[in-house]
């Protein structure tokens, strides 16, 4: 812990889980994308000041419905998306107060049809697997998209592959098929002259994620299917004739792109959560002690802090897979939102969700997806219990997200993950009490510091060693610089405190009488 008593000159921002650092799915083409569990550190160097972004939510604003006569059905609607990596945070051609947009639909679909089909291939066991789609853009849309932003829907095909398909990255083969189809669609838009892409997921319930588009990053922002459908309705392009251009009422000034250098660590980088064990002695309400925690870069800028019961956020079995088709069938289709459990095995309403993931949850891989899902399920905060030691512990990110995250998200070291896990098991033996966590108040996206200031010199402090009223003593002890700044001290048990108070009162009474 000692190295963390000083400001960090370089801190890792992790986009996904595992040992604290996991890369987003890579879209390198060709060869086929690497496995999804490729480690990637996005190093943030220099200052620990906050990102210049005031909000972490990325959105497209639309005025009017695009209906008959151009009469708007609402004054303003916002649609959230997940930005992809780019060299700039904004680009004039893509980020505009009045953007020009075209719906690039599959050929021959007309007003909402579905001409494209899923491509399949056989295997040695004569089983058929879905490996792609027959997407070809409508010629009229393709001609109109030059100089415009393309609205582009992903495929509804449910990609599948055998576990032993080593030609396409083993168990991640189905995801490589999804990536190939994604790249094919996005490349078609840019080849036709599009200045950017607003991409809608083709399967309901799938949350958009940040995918590294190499070798040449481009302005792309990915939407949930429901958000993309609403965007098509708001612009009027979903039912418009092929080749229709909407050039009024679409504002993409807040459709920020993700530049890693903007994803800066909160200052201070390490805050603390307070563990409350009400069934133990140690204070008026039980034992309470702080544990260090990283604050996610996508957290709300301000939050008052709160105290709530802790519950382990277990994903249902249908989400614990790396197969795209299984996710679509058994995980993404689960109803969520409005406090529904969604992909979780238990209710999170009013609780702090504790993510201790020991198995693959390939359907939802990134930290911000966990934060969004927990919040939609009614959680008031979320904590990632990592398996990392101090050398590989990383700040959860990225700071840009596809939804408004108001419930704060924190990450723990493995030793404190184990502490919280043990406390949860112990609390089960005390049904009248529940393990509680207190989250810190956030200002500017950061909480109060956990560590004391390393620039100060601390002298000895007295410790009380107690056996009985007749056998106790004080001893001066030195103070470590990596000790927690908020530590309240451990109190004597209540019965001993009462005995001291009684003895003191008796002594005072005797002195007065004499």
Protein backbone atom coordinates (compact mmCIF):
# COMPACT_ATOMS: atom_id res chain seq x y z
CA UNK A 1 0.00 0.00 0.00
CA UNK A 2 2.89 2.38 0.58
CA UNK A 3 3.26 3.54 -3.07
CA UNK A 4 -0.33 4.82 -2.98
CA UNK A 5 0.35 7.31 -0.21
CA UNK A 6 1.74 9.66 -2.86
CA UNK A 7 -0.07 11.02 -5.94
CA UNK A 8 -0.04 8.61 -8.89
CA UNK A 9 1.87 9.82 -11.91
CA UNK A 10 0.37 7.08 -14.11
CA UNK A 11 -2.86 5.22 -13.42
CA UNK A 12 -4.63 2.62 -15.54
CA UNK A 13 -8.21 3.19 -16.63
CA UNK A 14 -9.90 -0.15 -17.23
CA UNK A 15 -12.87 -0.45 -19.58
CA UNK A 16 -13.82 -3.94 -18.47
CA UNK A 17 -13.55 -6.53 -15.74
CA UNK A 18 -11.41 -9.65 -15.06
CA UNK A 19 -8.27 -8.76 -13.10
CA UNK A 20 -9.25 -5.12 -13.21
CA UNK A 21 -8.15 -4.47 -16.78
CA UNK A 22 -9.91 -5.91 -19.81
CA UNK A 23 -10.01 -4.54 -23.32
CA UNK A 24 -13.11 -3.82 -25.31
CA UNK A 25 -13.73 -6.13 -28.23
CA UNK A 26 -11.21 -5.44 -30.94
CA UNK A 27 -12.38 -4.80 -34.48
CA UNK A 28 -9.08 -5.41 -36.24
CA UNK A 29 -9.91 -6.61 -39.77
CA UNK A 30 -8.31 -8.77 -41.06
CA UNK A 31 -7.20 -11.12 -39.44
CA UNK A 32 -10.13 -12.22 -37.24
CA UNK A 33 -10.39 -10.28 -33.98
CA UNK A 34 -8.44 -11.56 -30.99
CA UNK A 35 -10.22 -13.14 -28.00
CA UNK A 36 -12.44 -10.79 -26.06
CA UNK A 37 -10.38 -11.24 -22.91
CA UNK A 38 -7.35 -9.45 -24.38
CA UNK A 39 -5.71 -7.30 -21.71
CA UNK A 40 -5.38 -3.61 -22.51
CA UNK A 41 -4.20 -0.74 -20.33
CA UNK A 42 -5.26 2.75 -21.33
CA UNK A 43 -2.52 4.65 -19.52
CA UNK A 44 -3.39 8.12 -18.32
CA UNK A 45 -0.24 10.14 -17.77
CA UNK A 46 0.45 13.37 -15.97
CA UNK A 47 -2.16 15.42 -14.14
CA UNK A 48 -4.81 13.79 -12.01
CA UNK A 49 -7.33 16.54 -12.63
CA UNK A 50 -10.79 15.63 -13.85
CA UNK A 51 -11.72 15.24 -17.47
CA UNK A 52 -12.91 18.39 -19.19
CA UNK A 53 -16.26 16.71 -19.85
CA UNK A 54 -19.02 18.05 -17.62
CA UNK A 55 -21.29 15.10 -18.30
CA UNK A 56 -20.39 11.50 -19.04
CA UNK A 57 -23.53 10.74 -21.08
CA UNK A 58 -23.34 10.87 -24.88
CA UNK A 59 -26.50 11.72 -26.78
CA UNK A 60 -28.13 12.89 -30.00
CA UNK A 61 -30.79 15.61 -29.63
CA UNK A 62 -33.70 15.74 -32.06
CA UNK A 63 -36.30 18.52 -32.41
CA UNK A 64 -39.56 17.62 -34.18
CA UNK A 65 -40.85 14.32 -35.48
CA UNK A 66 -40.16 14.66 -39.18
CA UNK A 67 -43.86 14.09 -39.84
CA UNK A 68 -46.18 15.68 -42.36
CA UNK A 69 -45.51 19.38 -42.80
CA UNK A 70 -42.51 19.15 -40.54
CA UNK A 71 -44.65 19.90 -37.46
CA UNK A 72 -42.78 18.74 -34.36
CA UNK A 73 -44.54 16.37 -31.95
CA UNK A 74 -42.20 17.42 -29.09
CA UNK A 75 -39.78 20.24 -28.51
CA UNK A 76 -36.72 18.08 -27.79
CA UNK A 77 -35.84 14.42 -27.33
CA UNK A 78 -32.46 12.92 -26.48
CA UNK A 79 -31.15 9.49 -27.50
CA UNK A 80 -28.11 8.01 -25.79
CA UNK A 81 -25.28 6.10 -27.46
CA UNK A 82 -21.86 4.59 -26.71
CA UNK A 83 -19.06 6.43 -28.55
CA UNK A 84 -16.20 4.62 -30.21
CA UNK A 85 -12.52 5.50 -30.00
CA UNK A 86 -11.39 8.41 -32.13
CA UNK A 87 -8.46 10.79 -32.35
CA UNK A 88 -10.62 13.80 -31.41
CA UNK A 89 -13.41 14.33 -28.91
CA UNK A 90 -15.42 16.28 -31.49
CA UNK A 91 -15.13 16.69 -35.24
CA UNK A 92 -16.90 19.54 -37.11
CA UNK A 93 -18.31 17.29 -39.83
CA UNK A 94 -19.80 14.91 -37.25
CA UNK A 95 -20.67 17.21 -34.34
CA UNK A 96 -23.04 19.88 -35.57
CA UNK A 97 -25.98 21.92 -34.32
CA UNK A 98 -27.89 20.93 -37.45
CA UNK A 99 -26.55 17.61 -38.69
CA UNK A 100 -27.46 16.02 -42.01
CA UNK A 101 -28.56 12.37 -41.55
CA UNK A 102 -29.57 9.51 -43.84
CA UNK A 103 -31.00 6.10 -42.89
CA UNK A 104 -28.81 3.53 -44.64
CA UNK A 105 -31.18 0.55 -44.77
CA UNK A 106 -30.72 -2.84 -46.44
CA UNK A 107 -31.54 -2.96 -50.15
CA UNK A 108 -35.15 -3.59 -51.20
CA UNK A 109 -36.58 -3.03 -47.72
CA UNK A 110 -38.60 0.01 -48.77
CA UNK A 111 -40.48 1.42 -45.79
CA UNK A 112 -39.50 -0.98 -43.02
CA UNK A 113 -39.24 -4.38 -44.71
CA UNK A 114 -36.52 -6.98 -43.97
CA UNK A 115 -34.90 -8.27 -47.13
CA UNK A 116 -31.56 -9.33 -45.68
CA UNK A 117 -31.09 -12.89 -44.46
CA UNK A 118 -28.67 -14.68 -42.16
CA UNK A 119 -25.77 -16.64 -43.64
CA UNK A 120 -25.06 -20.13 -42.33
CA UNK A 121 -22.34 -22.70 -42.64
CA UNK A 122 -22.09 -26.38 -41.75
CA UNK A 123 -19.55 -28.18 -39.56
CA UNK A 124 -18.03 -31.61 -39.24
CA UNK A 125 -21.03 -32.67 -37.13
CA UNK A 126 -23.46 -31.44 -39.82
CA UNK A 127 -24.73 -28.75 -37.46
CA UNK A 128 -25.56 -25.37 -39.02
CA UNK A 129 -24.07 -22.19 -37.54
CA UNK A 130 -24.98 -18.54 -38.21
CA UNK A 131 -21.86 -16.74 -39.38
CA UNK A 132 -22.99 -13.53 -41.11
CA UNK A 133 -25.71 -11.62 -42.95
CA UNK A 134 -26.43 -10.70 -46.56
CA UNK A 135 -26.51 -6.96 -45.85
CA UNK A 136 -26.28 -4.73 -48.95
CA UNK A 137 -27.19 -1.02 -48.57
CA UNK A 138 -30.12 0.41 -50.50
CA UNK A 139 -28.70 2.17 -53.62
CA UNK A 140 -30.76 5.35 -53.09
CA UNK A 141 -29.63 5.65 -49.47
CA UNK A 142 -26.05 4.89 -50.48
CA UNK A 143 -26.10 7.72 -53.02
CA UNK A 144 -27.61 10.18 -50.52
CA UNK A 145 -25.27 9.43 -47.60
CA UNK A 146 -22.24 11.20 -49.10
CA UNK A 147 -21.36 14.08 -46.76
CA UNK A 148 -24.01 12.94 -44.23
CA UNK A 149 -24.16 10.93 -41.02
CA UNK A 150 -25.44 7.42 -41.67
CA UNK A 151 -28.09 5.90 -39.40
CA UNK A 152 -27.24 2.23 -39.64
CA UNK A 153 -28.99 -0.72 -38.00
CA UNK A 154 -27.11 -3.88 -37.00
CA UNK A 155 -28.27 -7.34 -37.93
CA UNK A 156 -30.80 -9.36 -35.99
CA UNK A 157 -28.90 -12.54 -36.82
CA UNK A 158 -27.95 -14.59 -33.76
CA UNK A 159 -24.40 -15.66 -34.45
CA UNK A 160 -23.34 -19.10 -33.31
CA UNK A 161 -20.26 -21.32 -33.48
CA UNK A 162 -18.93 -24.58 -32.04
CA UNK A 163 -16.67 -24.44 -28.99
CA UNK A 164 -13.78 -25.94 -30.94
CA UNK A 165 -13.84 -23.47 -33.84
CA UNK A 166 -10.17 -22.52 -33.56
CA UNK A 167 -10.27 -20.82 -36.96
CA UNK A 168 -12.28 -17.99 -35.41
CA UNK A 169 -10.80 -17.53 -31.94
CA UNK A 170 -12.22 -20.62 -30.23
CA UNK A 171 -15.24 -19.94 -27.97
CA UNK A 172 -15.22 -16.31 -29.09
CA UNK A 173 -16.00 -17.28 -32.69
CA UNK A 174 -19.62 -16.13 -32.55
CA UNK A 175 -18.45 -12.69 -31.41
CA UNK A 176 -15.97 -12.52 -34.30
CA UNK A 177 -18.90 -13.08 -36.68
CA UNK A 178 -20.77 -10.22 -34.99
CA UNK A 179 -17.69 -8.00 -35.30
CA UNK A 180 -17.19 -8.85 -38.98
CA UNK A 181 -20.80 -7.98 -39.75
CA UNK A 182 -20.50 -4.73 -37.77
CA UNK A 183 -17.37 -3.75 -39.68
CA UNK A 184 -18.95 -4.62 -43.03
CA UNK A 185 -21.87 -2.28 -42.39
CA UNK A 186 -19.81 0.60 -40.98
CA UNK A 187 -17.23 0.34 -43.78
CA UNK A 188 -20.00 0.46 -46.39
CA UNK A 189 -21.22 3.76 -44.97
CA UNK A 190 -17.79 5.39 -44.94
CA UNK A 191 -16.93 4.02 -48.39
CA UNK A 192 -20.00 5.86 -49.68
CA UNK A 193 -18.79 9.15 -48.18
CA UNK A 194 -20.50 9.20 -44.77
CA UNK A 195 -18.88 11.56 -42.25
CA UNK A 196 -19.99 9.42 -39.31
CA UNK A 197 -22.23 6.56 -38.26
CA UNK A 198 -25.00 6.29 -35.66
CA UNK A 199 -25.22 2.52 -35.26
CA UNK A 200 -28.18 0.69 -33.71
CA UNK A 201 -27.75 -2.77 -32.20
CA UNK A 202 -29.85 -5.32 -34.07
CA UNK A 203 -30.84 -7.44 -31.06
CA UNK A 204 -33.13 -6.12 -28.32
CA UNK A 205 -31.57 -5.89 -24.86
CA UNK A 206 -27.95 -5.88 -26.01
CA UNK A 207 -26.14 -2.93 -24.49
CA UNK A 208 -23.73 -1.09 -26.81
CA UNK A 209 -20.07 -1.26 -25.91
CA UNK A 210 -16.83 0.44 -26.83
CA UNK A 211 -15.09 -1.49 -29.59
CA UNK A 212 -11.58 -0.55 -30.72
CA UNK A 213 -11.89 0.21 -34.43
CA UNK A 214 -8.46 -0.32 -35.97
CA UNK A 215 -6.45 0.57 -37.97
CA UNK A 216 -8.30 3.85 -38.65
CA UNK A 217 -10.73 5.01 -35.92
CA UNK A 218 -13.79 6.82 -37.26
CA UNK A 219 -16.69 8.83 -35.77
CA UNK A 220 -19.16 6.12 -34.68
CA UNK A 221 -21.66 6.00 -31.79
CA UNK A 222 -23.61 2.82 -30.93
CA UNK A 223 -27.21 2.72 -29.64
CA UNK A 224 -29.37 0.14 -27.92
CA UNK A 225 -31.99 -1.21 -30.34
CA UNK A 226 -34.82 0.56 -28.50
CA UNK A 227 -32.98 3.90 -28.55
CA UNK A 228 -32.21 3.51 -32.26
CA UNK A 229 -35.86 2.72 -33.06
CA UNK A 230 -36.91 5.86 -31.17
CA UNK A 231 -34.29 7.89 -33.06
CA UNK A 232 -35.66 6.68 -36.40
CA UNK A 233 -39.16 7.63 -35.28
CA UNK A 234 -38.07 11.08 -34.09
CA UNK A 235 -36.30 11.88 -37.35
CA UNK A 236 -39.09 10.40 -39.46
CA UNK A 237 -36.52 8.39 -41.43
CA UNK A 238 -37.79 4.96 -40.41
CA UNK A 239 -40.84 5.27 -42.65
CA UNK A 240 -39.35 7.68 -45.21
CA UNK A 241 -38.62 6.76 -48.81
CA UNK A 242 -35.09 5.51 -49.64
CA UNK A 243 -32.71 8.38 -50.32
CA UNK A 244 -34.45 10.76 -47.89
CA UNK A 245 -32.16 13.25 -46.12
CA UNK A 246 -33.04 14.90 -42.79
CA UNK A 247 -31.03 18.11 -42.43
CA UNK A 248 -33.10 20.05 -39.86
CA UNK A 249 -33.56 19.41 -36.15
CA UNK A 250 -30.83 16.82 -35.51
CA UNK A 251 -28.17 18.10 -33.08
CA UNK A 252 -25.01 16.03 -32.59
CA UNK A 253 -22.98 18.59 -30.64
CA UNK A 254 -23.19 16.33 -27.54
CA UNK A 255 -22.42 13.15 -29.46
CA UNK A 256 -18.89 13.10 -28.09
CA UNK A 257 -16.28 10.64 -29.34
CA UNK A 258 -13.95 8.74 -27.02
CA UNK A 259 -10.37 9.94 -26.86
CA UNK A 260 -8.41 7.99 -24.20
CA UNK A 261 -6.44 11.05 -23.11
CA UNK A 262 -9.72 12.64 -21.92
CA UNK A 263 -10.36 9.75 -19.53
CA UNK A 264 -8.50 11.16 -16.54
CA UNK A 265 -8.46 9.77 -13.04
CA UNK A 266 -10.46 11.57 -10.31
CA UNK A 267 -8.42 13.51 -7.76
CA UNK A 268 -7.87 12.04 -5.23
CA UNK A 269 -7.78 8.70 -7.06
CA UNK A 270 -8.46 6.58 -3.97
CA UNK A 271 -11.41 7.26 -1.68
CA UNK A 272 -13.03 4.90 0.83
CA UNK A 273 -16.20 2.99 1.64
CA UNK A 274 -17.23 2.46 5.26
CA UNK A 275 -18.16 -1.11 6.21
CA UNK A 276 -20.82 -1.29 8.93
CA UNK A 277 -21.24 -4.56 10.88
CA UNK A 278 -24.07 -3.80 13.34
CA UNK A 279 -23.94 -7.19 15.05
CA UNK A 280 -20.38 -6.60 16.31
CA UNK A 281 -19.15 -4.53 19.24
CA UNK A 282 -17.04 -1.49 18.50
CA UNK A 283 -19.31 1.50 18.68
CA UNK A 284 -22.84 2.66 19.34
CA UNK A 285 -24.09 0.95 16.15
CA UNK A 286 -21.61 -1.90 15.90
CA UNK A 287 -18.21 -2.11 14.23
CA UNK A 288 -17.45 0.33 11.40
CA UNK A 289 -14.21 0.64 9.44
CA UNK A 290 -13.06 2.13 6.10
CA UNK A 291 -11.70 0.25 3.08
CA UNK A 292 -9.98 1.98 0.11
CA UNK A 293 -11.77 2.12 -3.23
CA UNK A 294 -11.22 3.50 -6.71
CA UNK A 295 -13.97 5.78 -8.04
CA UNK A 296 -15.15 5.11 -11.61
CA UNK A 297 -14.45 7.82 -14.15
CA UNK A 298 -18.09 7.58 -15.33
CA UNK A 299 -19.52 8.35 -11.88
CA UNK A 300 -21.89 11.31 -11.36
CA UNK A 301 -20.00 14.56 -10.79
CA UNK A 302 -21.78 15.08 -7.46
CA UNK A 303 -23.45 12.65 -5.06
CA UNK A 304 -24.42 13.08 -1.39
CA UNK A 305 -23.25 9.62 -0.33
CA UNK A 306 -25.54 7.04 1.27
CA UNK A 307 -25.78 4.01 3.54
CA UNK A 308 -27.55 0.87 2.31
CA UNK A 309 -27.51 -2.93 2.65
CA UNK A 310 -25.11 -4.90 0.45
CA UNK A 311 -26.24 -7.72 -1.83
CA UNK A 312 -24.13 -9.85 -4.16
CA UNK A 313 -25.16 -9.11 -7.76
CA UNK A 314 -25.16 -12.59 -9.27
CA UNK A 315 -25.87 -12.83 -12.99
CA UNK A 316 -28.33 -15.54 -13.98
CA UNK A 317 -26.94 -18.64 -15.67
CA UNK A 318 -28.17 -17.47 -19.09
CA UNK A 319 -25.75 -14.51 -18.98
CA UNK A 320 -22.71 -16.60 -18.02
CA UNK A 321 -21.66 -17.49 -21.54
CA UNK A 322 -19.37 -16.28 -24.32
CA UNK A 323 -21.77 -17.27 -27.10
CA UNK A 324 -23.60 -14.46 -28.89
CA UNK A 325 -26.67 -16.57 -29.74
CA UNK A 326 -27.02 -17.77 -26.14
CA UNK A 327 -26.82 -14.17 -24.89
CA UNK A 328 -29.57 -13.13 -27.31
CA UNK A 329 -31.79 -16.07 -26.37
CA UNK A 330 -31.27 -16.37 -22.61
CA UNK A 331 -29.88 -13.08 -21.29
CA UNK A 332 -30.56 -9.94 -23.34
CA UNK A 333 -34.21 -10.97 -23.67
CA UNK A 334 -34.80 -10.82 -19.88
CA UNK A 335 -37.09 -7.94 -18.90
CA UNK A 336 -35.27 -5.15 -17.07
CA UNK A 337 -35.75 -1.60 -15.91
CA UNK A 338 -38.20 -0.10 -13.41
CA UNK A 339 -36.68 -2.15 -10.61
CA UNK A 340 -37.01 -5.51 -12.41
CA UNK A 341 -34.22 -7.96 -11.62
CA UNK A 342 -33.33 -8.30 -15.32
CA UNK A 343 -30.13 -10.35 -15.68
CA UNK A 344 -29.66 -10.66 -11.90
CA UNK A 345 -30.63 -13.64 -9.77
CA UNK A 346 -31.93 -11.45 -6.92
CA UNK A 347 -33.56 -8.09 -6.33
CA UNK A 348 -31.21 -5.09 -6.13
CA UNK A 349 -33.89 -2.52 -5.25
CA UNK A 350 -32.58 -0.11 -2.62
CA UNK A 351 -29.34 -2.11 -2.25
CA UNK A 352 -25.66 -1.64 -3.03
CA UNK A 353 -24.83 -4.18 -5.75
CA UNK A 354 -21.62 -6.12 -5.02
CA UNK A 355 -20.09 -7.64 -8.17
CA UNK A 356 -17.79 -10.55 -7.33
CA UNK A 357 -17.47 -12.28 -10.68
CA UNK A 358 -15.62 -15.59 -10.76
CA UNK A 359 -17.17 -16.86 -14.00
CA UNK A 360 -17.45 -15.40 -17.50
CA UNK A 361 -20.35 -13.02 -18.02
CA UNK A 362 -19.70 -12.50 -21.70
CA UNK A 363 -23.15 -11.03 -22.38
CA UNK A 364 -22.31 -7.97 -20.29
CA UNK A 365 -18.57 -7.46 -20.18
CA UNK A 366 -17.84 -3.85 -19.31
CA UNK A 367 -17.91 -1.89 -16.07
CA UNK A 368 -20.30 0.78 -17.34
CA UNK A 369 -22.70 -1.93 -18.51
CA UNK A 370 -22.73 -3.32 -14.96
CA UNK A 371 -23.38 0.16 -13.56
CA UNK A 372 -26.25 0.73 -16.01
CA UNK A 373 -27.81 -2.68 -15.35
CA UNK A 374 -27.55 -2.34 -11.56
CA UNK A 375 -29.10 1.13 -11.65
CA UNK A 376 -31.95 -0.03 -13.89
CA UNK A 377 -32.57 -2.90 -11.46
CA UNK A 378 -33.00 -0.40 -8.62
CA UNK A 379 -29.53 -0.46 -7.00
CA UNK A 380 -28.47 2.78 -5.28
CA UNK A 381 -24.73 2.12 -5.83
CA UNK A 382 -22.44 -0.60 -7.13
CA UNK A 383 -19.10 -2.03 -6.02
CA UNK A 384 -16.76 -4.19 -8.09
CA UNK A 385 -14.89 -6.71 -5.98
CA UNK A 386 -11.77 -7.24 -8.08
CA UNK A 387 -9.25 -10.06 -7.92
CA UNK A 388 -6.40 -7.57 -8.37
CA UNK A 389 -3.48 -6.85 -6.11
CA UNK A 390 -2.08 -3.35 -5.71
CA UNK A 391 0.06 -3.58 -8.88
CA UNK A 392 -2.83 -4.41 -11.25
CA UNK A 393 -5.71 -2.54 -9.62
CA UNK A 394 -7.27 -0.09 -12.06
CA UNK A 395 -9.85 2.69 -12.17
CA UNK A 396 -13.14 1.61 -13.83
CA UNK A 397 -13.96 3.44 -17.05
CA UNK A 398 -14.47 4.77 -19.69
CA UNK A 399 -15.92 8.11 -18.61
CA UNK A 400 -18.34 8.34 -21.55
CA UNK A 401 -21.44 6.14 -21.29
CA UNK A 402 -24.63 5.28 -23.16
CA UNK A 403 -26.96 6.15 -20.27
CA UNK A 404 -27.22 8.59 -17.36
CA UNK A 405 -25.43 6.92 -14.45
CA UNK A 406 -26.59 8.41 -11.15
CA UNK A 407 -25.72 5.48 -8.84
CA UNK A 408 -21.96 5.66 -8.05
CA UNK A 409 -19.62 2.77 -8.90
CA UNK A 410 -16.46 1.78 -6.98
CA UNK A 411 -13.74 -0.88 -7.24
CA UNK A 412 -11.95 -2.77 -4.45
CA UNK A 413 -8.63 -4.56 -4.11
CA UNK A 414 -8.82 -8.35 -3.72
CA UNK A 415 -7.97 -8.21 -0.01
CA UNK A 416 -10.97 -5.94 0.62
CA UNK A 417 -13.14 -7.98 -1.75
CA UNK A 418 -12.37 -10.94 0.52
CA UNK A 419 -13.12 -8.84 3.61
CA UNK A 420 -16.54 -7.80 2.31
CA UNK A 421 -17.33 -11.34 1.15
CA UNK A 422 -16.48 -12.75 4.60
CA UNK A 423 -18.58 -10.08 6.30
CA UNK A 424 -21.55 -10.95 4.08
CA UNK A 425 -21.25 -14.63 5.04
CA UNK A 426 -21.03 -13.70 8.70
CA UNK A 427 -24.07 -11.43 8.49
CA UNK A 428 -26.15 -14.40 7.33
CA UNK A 429 -25.84 -15.77 10.88
CA UNK A 430 -27.38 -12.57 12.23
CA UNK A 431 -30.78 -12.34 10.52
CA UNK A 432 -31.78 -9.25 12.51
CA UNK A 433 -28.84 -7.31 11.08
CA UNK A 434 -27.56 -6.77 7.56
CA UNK A 435 -24.14 -5.73 6.33
CA UNK A 436 -24.22 -2.06 5.39
CA UNK A 437 -21.91 0.07 3.27
CA UNK A 438 -21.60 3.83 3.37
CA UNK A 439 -20.45 5.48 0.15
CA UNK A 440 -18.63 8.83 0.29
CA UNK A 441 -20.02 12.12 -0.91
CA UNK A 442 -18.66 12.93 -4.38
CA UNK A 443 -17.60 16.38 -5.57
CA UNK A 444 -16.21 16.77 -9.06
CA UNK A 445 -16.53 13.01 -9.47
CA UNK A 446 -14.15 12.27 -6.56
CA UNK A 447 -14.62 11.34 -2.92
CA UNK A 448 -12.53 12.32 0.13
CA UNK A 449 -9.04 10.84 0.19
CA UNK A 450 -8.42 7.56 1.95
CA UNK A 451 -4.71 8.11 2.62
CA UNK A 452 -3.11 10.72 4.83
CA UNK A 453 -0.95 13.42 3.24
CA UNK A 454 2.52 12.00 2.65
CA UNK A 455 4.13 15.46 2.90
CA UNK A 456 3.34 15.72 6.62
CA UNK A 457 5.36 14.32 9.51
CA UNK A 458 3.33 12.43 12.10
CA UNK A 459 4.53 12.05 15.67
CA UNK A 460 3.67 9.25 18.10
CA UNK A 461 0.09 8.68 19.19
CA UNK A 462 -1.09 6.98 22.41
CA UNK A 463 -2.64 3.51 22.32
CA UNK A 464 -4.59 2.20 25.33
CA UNK A 465 -3.89 -1.43 26.29
CA UNK A 466 -6.71 -2.71 28.48
CA UNK A 467 -7.14 -5.80 30.63
CA UNK A 468 -9.09 -4.52 33.61
CA UNK A 469 -9.68 -1.44 35.76
CA UNK A 470 -6.55 -2.33 37.72
CA UNK A 471 -4.44 -3.54 34.81
CA UNK A 472 -4.13 -1.17 31.83
CA UNK A 473 -1.60 1.28 30.40
CA UNK A 474 -0.90 3.72 27.55
CA UNK A 475 1.93 3.28 25.06
CA UNK A 476 3.09 5.76 22.42
CA UNK A 477 3.26 4.34 18.89
CA UNK A 478 4.52 5.70 15.57
CA UNK A 479 2.09 6.26 12.69
CA UNK A 480 2.42 4.78 9.20
CA UNK A 481 2.01 7.17 6.26
CA UNK A 482 -0.23 4.73 4.42
CA UNK A 483 -2.75 4.60 7.28
CA UNK A 484 -6.33 5.59 6.37
CA UNK A 485 -7.04 9.27 6.88
CA UNK A 486 -10.65 8.78 8.02
CA UNK A 487 -9.97 6.12 10.68
CA UNK A 488 -12.21 6.89 13.73
CA UNK A 489 -10.35 4.66 16.19
CA UNK A 490 -11.62 1.55 17.97
CA UNK A 491 -13.64 2.11 21.11
CA UNK A 492 -13.59 -0.05 24.23
CA UNK A 493 -16.53 -2.46 24.54
CA UNK A 494 -19.65 -0.85 25.97
CA UNK A 495 -19.51 -2.72 29.32
CA UNK A 496 -15.94 -1.57 29.97
CA UNK A 497 -16.77 2.03 29.06
CA UNK A 498 -19.68 1.88 31.51
CA UNK A 499 -17.39 0.50 34.24
CA UNK A 500 -14.87 3.32 33.70
CA UNK A 501 -17.61 5.93 33.82
CA UNK A 502 -19.00 4.42 37.03
CA UNK A 503 -15.58 4.23 38.66
CA UNK A 504 -14.84 7.83 37.68
CA UNK A 505 -18.14 8.99 39.18
CA UNK A 506 -17.46 7.09 42.41
CA UNK A 507 -13.99 8.60 42.69
CA UNK A 508 -15.39 12.09 42.18
CA UNK A 509 -18.06 11.51 44.80
CA UNK A 510 -15.50 10.26 47.31
CA UNK A 511 -13.29 13.27 46.70
CA UNK A 512 -16.21 15.63 47.27
CA UNK A 513 -17.23 13.88 50.47
CA UNK A 514 -13.74 14.14 51.90
